[in-house]
């Protein structure tokens, strides 16, 4: 059996697309809100008019701390899991 070594040794690449600085607005005493452009959600495969949720994580590294926001879309989840939209 032969294995294509080119595919095995090919490093994965990361694409970073900047959407500018966003203002973090106060929303009550204990919360803040960031507005995301529809284009960002479309590029993640989301219908911007569908129900969208996000997984939010605080990442702490020795050289930096940052917040990671991973959107997931109700319409995309339904197609992948086969769950109905009413659940």
C-alpha atoms as a PDB file:
ATOM      1  CA  UNK A   1       0.000   0.000   0.000  1.00  0.00           C
ATOM      2  CA  UNK A   2       1.424   3.392  -0.980  1.00  0.00           C
ATOM      3  CA  UNK A   3       0.797   6.570   0.959  1.00  0.00           C
ATOM      4  CA  UNK A   4       0.951  10.038  -0.518  1.00  0.00           C
ATOM      5  CA  UNK A   5       3.550  11.660   1.750  1.00  0.00           C
ATOM      6  CA  UNK A   6       2.924  15.114   0.273  1.00  0.00           C
ATOM      7  CA  UNK A   7      -0.530  15.172   1.872  1.00  0.00           C
ATOM      8  CA  UNK A   8       0.792  13.925   5.207  1.00  0.00           C
ATOM      9  CA  UNK A   9       3.568  16.518   5.543  1.00  0.00           C
ATOM     10  CA  UNK A  10       1.601  19.493   4.235  1.00  0.00           C
ATOM     11  CA  UNK A  11       1.217  22.015   7.085  1.00  0.00           C
ATOM     12  CA  UNK A  12      -2.223  23.399   7.805  1.00  0.00           C
ATOM     13  CA  UNK A  13      -2.612  27.099   7.149  1.00  0.00           C
ATOM     14  CA  UNK A  14      -4.601  29.688   9.016  1.00  0.00           C
ATOM     15  CA  UNK A  15      -6.364  32.583   7.329  1.00  0.00           C
ATOM     16  CA  UNK A  16      -7.010  35.688   9.377  1.00  0.00           C
ATOM     17  CA  UNK A  17      -9.452  38.272   8.008  1.00  0.00           C
ATOM     18  CA  UNK A  18      -9.586  41.535   9.939  1.00  0.00           C
ATOM     19  CA  UNK A  19     -12.923  43.288  10.340  1.00  0.00           C
ATOM     20  CA  UNK A  20     -11.583  46.322  12.184  1.00  0.00           C
ATOM     21  CA  UNK A  21     -11.915  47.345  15.797  1.00  0.00           C
ATOM     22  CA  UNK A  22     -15.322  46.961  17.417  1.00  0.00           C
ATOM     23  CA  UNK A  23     -16.662  49.093  20.251  1.00  0.00           C
ATOM     24  CA  UNK A  24     -17.772  47.110  23.292  1.00  0.00           C
ATOM     25  CA  UNK A  25     -20.924  48.856  24.472  1.00  0.00           C
ATOM     26  CA  UNK A  26     -22.385  48.765  27.976  1.00  0.00           C
ATOM     27  CA  UNK A  27     -25.589  46.781  28.230  1.00  0.00           C
ATOM     28  CA  UNK A  28     -26.658  47.039  31.832  1.00  0.00           C
ATOM     29  CA  UNK A  29     -24.464  47.016  34.902  1.00  0.00           C
ATOM     30  CA  UNK A  30     -22.740  43.647  34.400  1.00  0.00           C
ATOM     31  CA  UNK A  31     -22.751  42.980  30.646  1.00  0.00           C
ATOM     32  CA  UNK A  32     -21.179  44.299  27.471  1.00  0.00           C
ATOM     33  CA  UNK A  33     -22.222  43.805  23.830  1.00  0.00           C
ATOM     34  CA  UNK A  34     -20.208  43.531  20.590  1.00  0.00           C
ATOM     35  CA  UNK A  35     -22.035  43.919  17.276  1.00  0.00           C
ATOM     36  CA  UNK A  36     -20.808  41.654  14.462  1.00  0.00           C
ATOM     37  CA  UNK A  37     -21.176  42.475  10.781  1.00  0.00           C
ATOM     38  CA  UNK A  38     -23.462  40.192   8.777  1.00  0.00           C
ATOM     39  CA  UNK A  39     -20.513  39.475   6.468  1.00  0.00           C
ATOM     40  CA  UNK A  40     -18.593  37.864   9.343  1.00  0.00           C
ATOM     41  CA  UNK A  41     -21.476  35.479  10.017  1.00  0.00           C
ATOM     42  CA  UNK A  42     -21.952  34.716   6.320  1.00  0.00           C
ATOM     43  CA  UNK A  43     -18.254  33.819   6.046  1.00  0.00           C
ATOM     44  CA  UNK A  44     -18.755  31.325   8.902  1.00  0.00           C
ATOM     45  CA  UNK A  45     -21.537  29.650   6.929  1.00  0.00           C
ATOM     46  CA  UNK A  46     -24.403  31.243   8.876  1.00  0.00           C
ATOM     47  CA  UNK A  47     -27.555  32.752   7.477  1.00  0.00           C
ATOM     48  CA  UNK A  48     -27.421  36.170   9.201  1.00  0.00           C
ATOM     49  CA  UNK A  49     -31.221  36.178   9.521  1.00  0.00           C
ATOM     50  CA  UNK A  50     -31.331  32.773  11.270  1.00  0.00           C
ATOM     51  CA  UNK A  51     -31.030  32.104  14.992  1.00  0.00           C
ATOM     52  CA  UNK A  52     -27.336  32.345  15.849  1.00  0.00           C
ATOM     53  CA  UNK A  53     -25.609  31.428  19.093  1.00  0.00           C
ATOM     54  CA  UNK A  54     -21.933  31.585  20.001  1.00  0.00           C
ATOM     55  CA  UNK A  55     -19.516  29.620  22.118  1.00  0.00           C
ATOM     56  CA  UNK A  56     -17.413  32.118  24.106  1.00  0.00           C
ATOM     57  CA  UNK A  57     -14.086  31.096  25.638  1.00  0.00           C
ATOM     58  CA  UNK A  58     -11.340  32.935  27.519  1.00  0.00           C
ATOM     59  CA  UNK A  59      -7.949  31.725  26.222  1.00  0.00           C
ATOM     60  CA  UNK A  60      -4.973  32.356  28.516  1.00  0.00           C
ATOM     61  CA  UNK A  61      -1.516  31.848  27.071  1.00  0.00           C
ATOM     62  CA  UNK A  62       1.826  32.807  28.610  1.00  0.00           C
ATOM     63  CA  UNK A  63       2.211  35.710  26.186  1.00  0.00           C
ATOM     64  CA  UNK A  64      -1.430  36.805  25.704  1.00  0.00           C
ATOM     65  CA  UNK A  65      -5.037  36.526  26.902  1.00  0.00           C
ATOM     66  CA  UNK A  66      -7.941  36.731  24.468  1.00  0.00           C
ATOM     67  CA  UNK A  67     -11.596  35.914  23.991  1.00  0.00           C
ATOM     68  CA  UNK A  68     -12.517  33.360  21.326  1.00  0.00           C
ATOM     69  CA  UNK A  69     -16.039  33.619  19.904  1.00  0.00           C
ATOM     70  CA  UNK A  70     -17.205  30.703  17.751  1.00  0.00           C
ATOM     71  CA  UNK A  71     -20.642  31.239  16.187  1.00  0.00           C
ATOM     72  CA  UNK A  72     -22.876  28.293  15.423  1.00  0.00           C
ATOM     73  CA  UNK A  73     -26.060  28.643  13.479  1.00  0.00           C
ATOM     74  CA  UNK A  74     -29.371  26.960  14.118  1.00  0.00           C
ATOM     75  CA  UNK A  75     -29.870  26.356  10.378  1.00  0.00           C
ATOM     76  CA  UNK A  76     -26.370  24.851  10.032  1.00  0.00           C
ATOM     77  CA  UNK A  77     -26.795  22.645  13.137  1.00  0.00           C
ATOM     78  CA  UNK A  78     -30.113  21.313  11.871  1.00  0.00           C
ATOM     79  CA  UNK A  79     -28.568  20.190   8.588  1.00  0.00           C
ATOM     80  CA  UNK A  80     -25.631  18.491  10.340  1.00  0.00           C
ATOM     81  CA  UNK A  81     -27.497  16.814  13.213  1.00  0.00           C
ATOM     82  CA  UNK A  82     -30.867  16.233  11.605  1.00  0.00           C
ATOM     83  CA  UNK A  83     -32.622  17.872  14.563  1.00  0.00           C
ATOM     84  CA  UNK A  84     -35.787  19.801  13.926  1.00  0.00           C
ATOM     85  CA  UNK A  85     -35.747  23.581  14.321  1.00  0.00           C
ATOM     86  CA  UNK A  86     -38.491  23.444  16.944  1.00  0.00           C
ATOM     87  CA  UNK A  87     -36.350  21.553  19.478  1.00  0.00           C
END
